[in-house]
Amino acid sequence: MGTLLSHLPAKAAESLGEPAYWCATETCPVAYFDLLERTVAAAEAHALYWPKDPAGPLCCCHGLTVDDVDADLADPVPTRVRAVVQQAGRPDAACGTMSPDGRPCVARVQRYYMRQKQKR
């Protein structure tokens, strides 16, 4: 429930039953849903990550943006990406509440990095 309360108004979070799930489909307008098919729209949520929120960071926990990753691709060493991966692995990382899906951003950051690298 802590993750929900970090990203939804209390009333919206309380409208969902336990367990509630994050919709990871990038183009879906739903942020969270439950087993009874109740939903909360991404437009009602806040502090979501890119691309669910096109203006949001790629990593909500550490503020890494797609522009940061693109800059790393232009540099010989991906220092920004590596720093976030290291920070997310620390025991004191707040990914459980800062990230809307309750998980570290490492896989999402690496996936974006590799997709962009292949495009170049």
N, C-alpha and C. Protein backbone atom coordinates (compact mmCIF):
# COMPACT_ATOMS: atom_id res chain seq x y z
N MET A 1 0.82 -1.19 0.00
CA MET A 1 0.00 0.00 0.00
C MET A 1 0.87 1.27 0.00
N GLY A 2 2.09 1.15 0.53
CA GLY A 2 3.00 2.31 0.55
C GLY A 2 3.31 2.82 -0.84
N THR A 3 3.51 1.91 -1.78
CA THR A 3 3.80 2.32 -3.15
C THR A 3 2.61 3.07 -3.73
N LEU A 4 1.41 2.54 -3.52
CA LEU A 4 0.20 3.20 -4.03
C LEU A 4 0.06 4.60 -3.46
N LEU A 5 0.23 4.72 -2.16
CA LEU A 5 0.07 6.02 -1.52
C LEU A 5 1.14 7.02 -1.94
N SER A 6 2.26 6.53 -2.43
CA SER A 6 3.32 7.42 -2.93
C SER A 6 2.99 7.97 -4.31
N HIS A 7 2.04 7.33 -5.01
CA HIS A 7 1.77 7.72 -6.40
C HIS A 7 0.32 8.05 -6.69
N LEU A 8 -0.55 7.88 -5.69
CA LEU A 8 -1.97 8.15 -5.89
C LEU A 8 -2.52 8.98 -4.75
N PRO A 9 -3.55 9.76 -5.03
CA PRO A 9 -4.27 10.39 -3.92
C PRO A 9 -4.85 9.28 -3.03
N ALA A 10 -4.97 9.52 -1.75
CA ALA A 10 -5.43 8.50 -0.80
C ALA A 10 -6.75 7.87 -1.23
N LYS A 11 -7.68 8.68 -1.69
CA LYS A 11 -8.99 8.16 -2.10
C LYS A 11 -8.87 7.17 -3.27
N ALA A 12 -8.02 7.49 -4.23
CA ALA A 12 -7.81 6.60 -5.37
C ALA A 12 -7.14 5.30 -4.93
N ALA A 13 -6.15 5.39 -4.05
CA ALA A 13 -5.46 4.19 -3.55
C ALA A 13 -6.42 3.30 -2.80
N GLU A 14 -7.29 3.90 -1.99
CA GLU A 14 -8.25 3.13 -1.19
C GLU A 14 -9.34 2.50 -2.05
N SER A 15 -9.52 2.98 -3.28
CA SER A 15 -10.55 2.42 -4.15
C SER A 15 -10.15 1.06 -4.71
N LEU A 16 -8.87 0.73 -4.60
CA LEU A 16 -8.37 -0.55 -5.10
C LEU A 16 -8.30 -1.57 -3.98
N GLY A 17 -8.57 -2.82 -4.31
CA GLY A 17 -8.43 -3.90 -3.35
C GLY A 17 -6.99 -4.39 -3.31
N GLU A 18 -6.71 -5.20 -2.31
CA GLU A 18 -5.39 -5.84 -2.19
C GLU A 18 -5.46 -7.23 -2.79
N PRO A 19 -4.55 -7.62 -3.60
CA PRO A 19 -3.41 -6.83 -4.07
C PRO A 19 -3.79 -5.94 -5.24
N ALA A 20 -3.05 -4.87 -5.38
CA ALA A 20 -3.19 -3.98 -6.53
C ALA A 20 -1.93 -4.14 -7.37
N TYR A 21 -2.08 -3.91 -8.66
CA TYR A 21 -0.99 -4.15 -9.61
C TYR A 21 -0.72 -2.91 -10.44
N TRP A 22 0.51 -2.77 -10.85
CA TRP A 22 0.95 -1.71 -11.77
C TRP A 22 0.76 -2.21 -13.19
N CYS A 23 0.21 -1.40 -14.06
CA CYS A 23 0.11 -1.74 -15.48
C CYS A 23 1.36 -1.22 -16.17
N ALA A 24 2.20 -2.14 -16.59
CA ALA A 24 3.48 -1.78 -17.19
C ALA A 24 3.39 -1.52 -18.70
N THR A 25 2.23 -1.73 -19.29
CA THR A 25 2.08 -1.47 -20.71
C THR A 25 2.24 0.02 -20.97
N GLU A 26 3.23 0.37 -21.74
CA GLU A 26 3.62 1.76 -21.93
C GLU A 26 2.50 2.65 -22.45
N THR A 27 1.65 2.14 -23.32
CA THR A 27 0.63 2.96 -23.95
C THR A 27 -0.73 2.85 -23.27
N CYS A 28 -0.83 2.06 -22.22
CA CYS A 28 -2.10 1.88 -21.52
C CYS A 28 -2.39 3.10 -20.64
N PRO A 29 -3.62 3.59 -20.65
CA PRO A 29 -3.95 4.75 -19.82
C PRO A 29 -4.16 4.41 -18.34
N VAL A 30 -4.09 3.13 -18.00
CA VAL A 30 -4.30 2.70 -16.62
C VAL A 30 -2.95 2.66 -15.90
N ALA A 31 -2.92 3.17 -14.67
CA ALA A 31 -1.72 3.08 -13.84
C ALA A 31 -1.79 1.84 -12.96
N TYR A 32 -2.88 1.69 -12.21
CA TYR A 32 -3.02 0.57 -11.27
C TYR A 32 -4.38 -0.09 -11.47
N PHE A 33 -4.43 -1.38 -11.15
CA PHE A 33 -5.68 -2.14 -11.23
C PHE A 33 -5.66 -3.22 -10.17
N ASP A 34 -6.84 -3.79 -9.91
CA ASP A 34 -6.92 -4.90 -8.96
C ASP A 34 -7.64 -6.09 -9.59
N LEU A 35 -7.81 -7.15 -8.82
CA LEU A 35 -8.40 -8.38 -9.34
C LEU A 35 -9.89 -8.24 -9.65
N LEU A 36 -10.53 -7.21 -9.12
CA LEU A 36 -11.94 -6.96 -9.41
C LEU A 36 -12.12 -6.00 -10.58
N GLU A 37 -11.05 -5.78 -11.32
CA GLU A 37 -11.02 -4.94 -12.52
C GLU A 37 -11.31 -3.48 -12.23
N ARG A 38 -11.06 -3.05 -11.00
CA ARG A 38 -11.12 -1.63 -10.68
C ARG A 38 -9.79 -1.03 -11.12
N THR A 39 -9.84 0.18 -11.62
CA THR A 39 -8.63 0.80 -12.16
C THR A 39 -8.48 2.24 -11.66
N VAL A 40 -7.26 2.69 -11.72
CA VAL A 40 -6.94 4.11 -11.50
C VAL A 40 -6.12 4.54 -12.71
N ALA A 41 -6.57 5.58 -13.36
CA ALA A 41 -5.92 6.06 -14.58
C ALA A 41 -4.57 6.69 -14.29
N ALA A 42 -3.66 6.58 -15.24
CA ALA A 42 -2.35 7.21 -15.11
C ALA A 42 -2.50 8.72 -14.92
N ALA A 43 -3.54 9.30 -15.49
CA ALA A 43 -3.76 10.74 -15.35
C ALA A 43 -4.07 11.13 -13.90
N GLU A 44 -4.55 10.20 -13.09
CA GLU A 44 -4.83 10.48 -11.68
C GLU A 44 -3.60 10.29 -10.80
N ALA A 45 -2.60 9.63 -11.32
CA ALA A 45 -1.39 9.32 -10.55
C ALA A 45 -0.36 10.43 -10.72
N HIS A 46 0.67 10.38 -9.89
CA HIS A 46 1.77 11.34 -10.00
C HIS A 46 3.08 10.60 -9.79
N ALA A 47 4.16 11.24 -10.20
CA ALA A 47 5.51 10.68 -10.07
C ALA A 47 5.65 9.34 -10.77
N LEU A 48 5.10 9.26 -11.98
CA LEU A 48 5.22 8.05 -12.78
C LEU A 48 6.48 8.15 -13.63
N TYR A 49 6.94 7.02 -14.12
CA TYR A 49 8.14 7.03 -14.94
C TYR A 49 7.80 7.06 -16.42
N TRP A 50 8.80 7.45 -17.20
CA TRP A 50 8.69 7.48 -18.65
C TRP A 50 8.59 6.06 -19.16
N PRO A 51 7.79 5.75 -20.13
CA PRO A 51 6.95 6.59 -20.96
C PRO A 51 5.50 6.70 -20.48
N LYS A 52 5.17 6.05 -19.37
CA LYS A 52 3.80 6.19 -18.86
C LYS A 52 3.49 7.67 -18.64
N ASP A 53 4.47 8.40 -18.15
CA ASP A 53 4.40 9.85 -18.08
C ASP A 53 5.51 10.37 -19.01
N PRO A 54 5.16 10.87 -20.19
CA PRO A 54 6.17 11.30 -21.16
C PRO A 54 7.16 12.33 -20.61
N ALA A 55 6.76 13.09 -19.60
CA ALA A 55 7.66 14.09 -19.01
C ALA A 55 8.38 13.54 -17.78
N GLY A 56 8.08 12.32 -17.40
CA GLY A 56 8.66 11.74 -16.20
C GLY A 56 10.06 11.19 -16.42
N PRO A 57 10.76 10.93 -15.32
CA PRO A 57 12.10 10.35 -15.42
C PRO A 57 12.03 8.88 -15.80
N LEU A 58 13.09 8.35 -16.28
CA LEU A 58 13.19 6.91 -16.55
C LEU A 58 13.33 6.17 -15.23
N CYS A 59 13.99 6.81 -14.28
CA CYS A 59 14.18 6.24 -12.94
C CYS A 59 13.66 7.24 -11.91
N CYS A 60 12.52 6.93 -11.31
CA CYS A 60 11.93 7.83 -10.31
C CYS A 60 12.76 7.91 -9.04
N CYS A 61 13.48 6.87 -8.73
CA CYS A 61 14.25 6.82 -7.48
C CYS A 61 15.45 7.76 -7.50
N HIS A 62 16.10 7.85 -8.64
CA HIS A 62 17.35 8.59 -8.71
C HIS A 62 17.33 9.72 -9.74
N GLY A 63 16.19 9.93 -10.39
CA GLY A 63 16.03 11.07 -11.28
C GLY A 63 16.64 10.94 -12.67
N LEU A 64 17.10 9.77 -13.04
CA LEU A 64 17.69 9.58 -14.36
C LEU A 64 16.61 9.75 -15.43
N THR A 65 16.90 10.54 -16.45
CA THR A 65 15.95 10.79 -17.52
C THR A 65 16.41 10.12 -18.82
N VAL A 66 15.52 10.07 -19.79
CA VAL A 66 15.91 9.53 -21.09
C VAL A 66 16.98 10.41 -21.72
N ASP A 67 16.95 11.71 -21.45
CA ASP A 67 17.98 12.61 -21.96
C ASP A 67 19.35 12.26 -21.36
N ASP A 68 19.36 11.87 -20.07
CA ASP A 68 20.61 11.45 -19.44
C ASP A 68 21.17 10.20 -20.11
N VAL A 69 20.30 9.26 -20.40
CA VAL A 69 20.74 8.02 -21.04
C VAL A 69 21.23 8.32 -22.45
N ASP A 70 20.50 9.15 -23.17
CA ASP A 70 20.94 9.53 -24.52
C ASP A 70 22.30 10.22 -24.48
N ALA A 71 22.54 11.04 -23.46
CA ALA A 71 23.85 11.70 -23.31
C ALA A 71 24.92 10.65 -23.02
N ASP A 72 24.60 9.65 -22.22
CA ASP A 72 25.55 8.57 -21.95
C ASP A 72 25.91 7.82 -23.22
N LEU A 73 24.96 7.65 -24.10
CA LEU A 73 25.23 6.95 -25.36
C LEU A 73 26.21 7.73 -26.23
N ALA A 74 26.21 9.03 -26.09
CA ALA A 74 27.13 9.87 -26.85
C ALA A 74 28.52 9.91 -26.23
N ASP A 75 28.61 9.55 -24.96
CA ASP A 75 29.90 9.53 -24.26
C ASP A 75 30.55 8.15 -24.39
N PRO A 76 31.86 8.09 -24.24
CA PRO A 76 32.52 6.77 -24.35
C PRO A 76 32.19 5.83 -23.18
N VAL A 77 31.84 6.38 -22.03
CA VAL A 77 31.53 5.56 -20.85
C VAL A 77 30.16 6.00 -20.31
N PRO A 78 29.24 5.06 -20.11
CA PRO A 78 27.89 5.42 -19.62
C PRO A 78 27.88 5.66 -18.10
N THR A 79 28.47 6.75 -17.68
CA THR A 79 28.63 7.01 -16.24
C THR A 79 27.30 7.20 -15.51
N ARG A 80 26.36 7.87 -16.13
CA ARG A 80 25.07 8.13 -15.47
C ARG A 80 24.30 6.84 -15.26
N VAL A 81 24.25 6.02 -16.29
CA VAL A 81 23.55 4.74 -16.20
C VAL A 81 24.21 3.84 -15.16
N ARG A 82 25.52 3.76 -15.19
CA ARG A 82 26.23 2.92 -14.22
C ARG A 82 25.99 3.39 -12.79
N ALA A 83 25.97 4.70 -12.58
CA ALA A 83 25.74 5.23 -11.23
C ALA A 83 24.36 4.86 -10.72
N VAL A 84 23.35 4.95 -11.57
CA VAL A 84 21.99 4.60 -11.14
C VAL A 84 21.88 3.11 -10.85
N VAL A 85 22.50 2.28 -11.67
CA VAL A 85 22.47 0.83 -11.44
C VAL A 85 23.11 0.52 -10.09
N GLN A 86 24.22 1.17 -9.77
CA GLN A 86 24.88 0.95 -8.48
C GLN A 86 24.01 1.45 -7.32
N GLN A 87 23.41 2.62 -7.47
CA GLN A 87 22.57 3.19 -6.41
C GLN A 87 21.34 2.33 -6.16
N ALA A 88 20.75 1.80 -7.21
CA ALA A 88 19.54 0.97 -7.07
C ALA A 88 19.84 -0.33 -6.35
N GLY A 89 21.09 -0.78 -6.40
CA GLY A 89 21.47 -2.02 -5.74
C GLY A 89 21.79 -1.89 -4.26
N ARG A 90 21.79 -0.67 -3.77
CA ARG A 90 22.10 -0.45 -2.35
C ARG A 90 20.91 -0.85 -1.47
N PRO A 91 21.20 -1.32 -0.26
CA PRO A 91 20.12 -1.70 0.65
C PRO A 91 19.21 -0.54 1.06
N ASP A 92 19.73 0.69 1.02
CA ASP A 92 18.92 1.83 1.43
C ASP A 92 18.17 2.48 0.25
N ALA A 93 18.20 1.88 -0.91
CA ALA A 93 17.47 2.41 -2.07
C ALA A 93 15.97 2.39 -1.76
N ALA A 94 15.28 3.44 -2.14
CA ALA A 94 13.85 3.57 -1.84
C ALA A 94 12.96 3.18 -3.01
N CYS A 95 13.40 2.24 -3.80
CA CYS A 95 12.67 1.84 -5.00
C CYS A 95 11.27 1.31 -4.69
N GLY A 96 11.10 0.68 -3.56
CA GLY A 96 9.81 0.11 -3.20
C GLY A 96 8.68 1.11 -3.13
N THR A 97 9.00 2.35 -2.80
CA THR A 97 7.97 3.37 -2.74
C THR A 97 8.14 4.44 -3.81
N MET A 98 9.36 4.72 -4.21
CA MET A 98 9.61 5.77 -5.20
C MET A 98 9.21 5.35 -6.62
N SER A 99 9.41 4.10 -6.94
CA SER A 99 9.07 3.61 -8.28
C SER A 99 7.61 3.14 -8.27
N PRO A 100 6.81 3.56 -9.24
CA PRO A 100 5.39 3.20 -9.25
C PRO A 100 5.12 1.70 -9.27
N ASP A 101 6.06 0.93 -9.81
CA ASP A 101 5.85 -0.52 -9.84
C ASP A 101 6.48 -1.21 -8.63
N GLY A 102 7.11 -0.43 -7.75
CA GLY A 102 7.69 -0.98 -6.53
C GLY A 102 8.99 -1.73 -6.73
N ARG A 103 9.56 -1.61 -7.92
CA ARG A 103 10.80 -2.33 -8.25
C ARG A 103 11.90 -1.35 -8.63
N PRO A 104 13.15 -1.78 -8.48
CA PRO A 104 14.24 -0.93 -8.96
C PRO A 104 14.13 -0.69 -10.46
N CYS A 105 14.69 0.39 -10.91
CA CYS A 105 14.59 0.78 -12.32
C CYS A 105 15.64 0.13 -13.20
N VAL A 106 16.50 -0.69 -12.65
CA VAL A 106 17.66 -1.21 -13.38
C VAL A 106 17.26 -1.84 -14.72
N ALA A 107 16.30 -2.74 -14.71
CA ALA A 107 15.91 -3.42 -15.96
C ALA A 107 15.35 -2.42 -16.97
N ARG A 108 14.55 -1.48 -16.50
CA ARG A 108 13.96 -0.48 -17.40
C ARG A 108 15.05 0.40 -18.00
N VAL A 109 15.99 0.84 -17.18
CA VAL A 109 17.08 1.69 -17.66
C VAL A 109 17.94 0.93 -18.66
N GLN A 110 18.30 -0.30 -18.33
CA GLN A 110 19.14 -1.10 -19.24
C GLN A 110 18.41 -1.40 -20.55
N ARG A 111 17.11 -1.68 -20.47
CA ARG A 111 16.33 -1.95 -21.68
C ARG A 111 16.31 -0.72 -22.59
N TYR A 112 16.05 0.45 -22.01
CA TYR A 112 16.04 1.67 -22.80
C TYR A 112 17.42 1.93 -23.41
N TYR A 113 18.46 1.78 -22.60
CA TYR A 113 19.82 2.00 -23.07
C TYR A 113 20.13 1.10 -24.26
N MET A 114 19.82 -0.17 -24.15
CA MET A 114 20.14 -1.13 -25.23
C MET A 114 19.32 -0.85 -26.49
N ARG A 115 18.05 -0.49 -26.33
CA ARG A 115 17.21 -0.15 -27.49
C ARG A 115 17.77 1.05 -28.23
N GLN A 116 18.14 2.07 -27.46
CA GLN A 116 18.69 3.27 -28.08
C GLN A 116 20.05 3.00 -28.73
N LYS A 117 20.84 2.16 -28.09
CA LYS A 117 22.16 1.83 -28.62
C LYS A 117 22.03 1.09 -29.95
N GLN A 118 21.03 0.20 -30.04
CA GLN A 118 20.82 -0.55 -31.28
C GLN A 118 20.35 0.36 -32.40
N LYS A 119 19.61 1.41 -32.05
CA LYS A 119 19.12 2.35 -33.07
C LYS A 119 20.25 3.15 -33.69
N ARG A 120 21.35 3.32 -32.94
CA ARG A 120 22.45 4.18 -33.42
C ARG A 120 23.31 3.46 -34.39
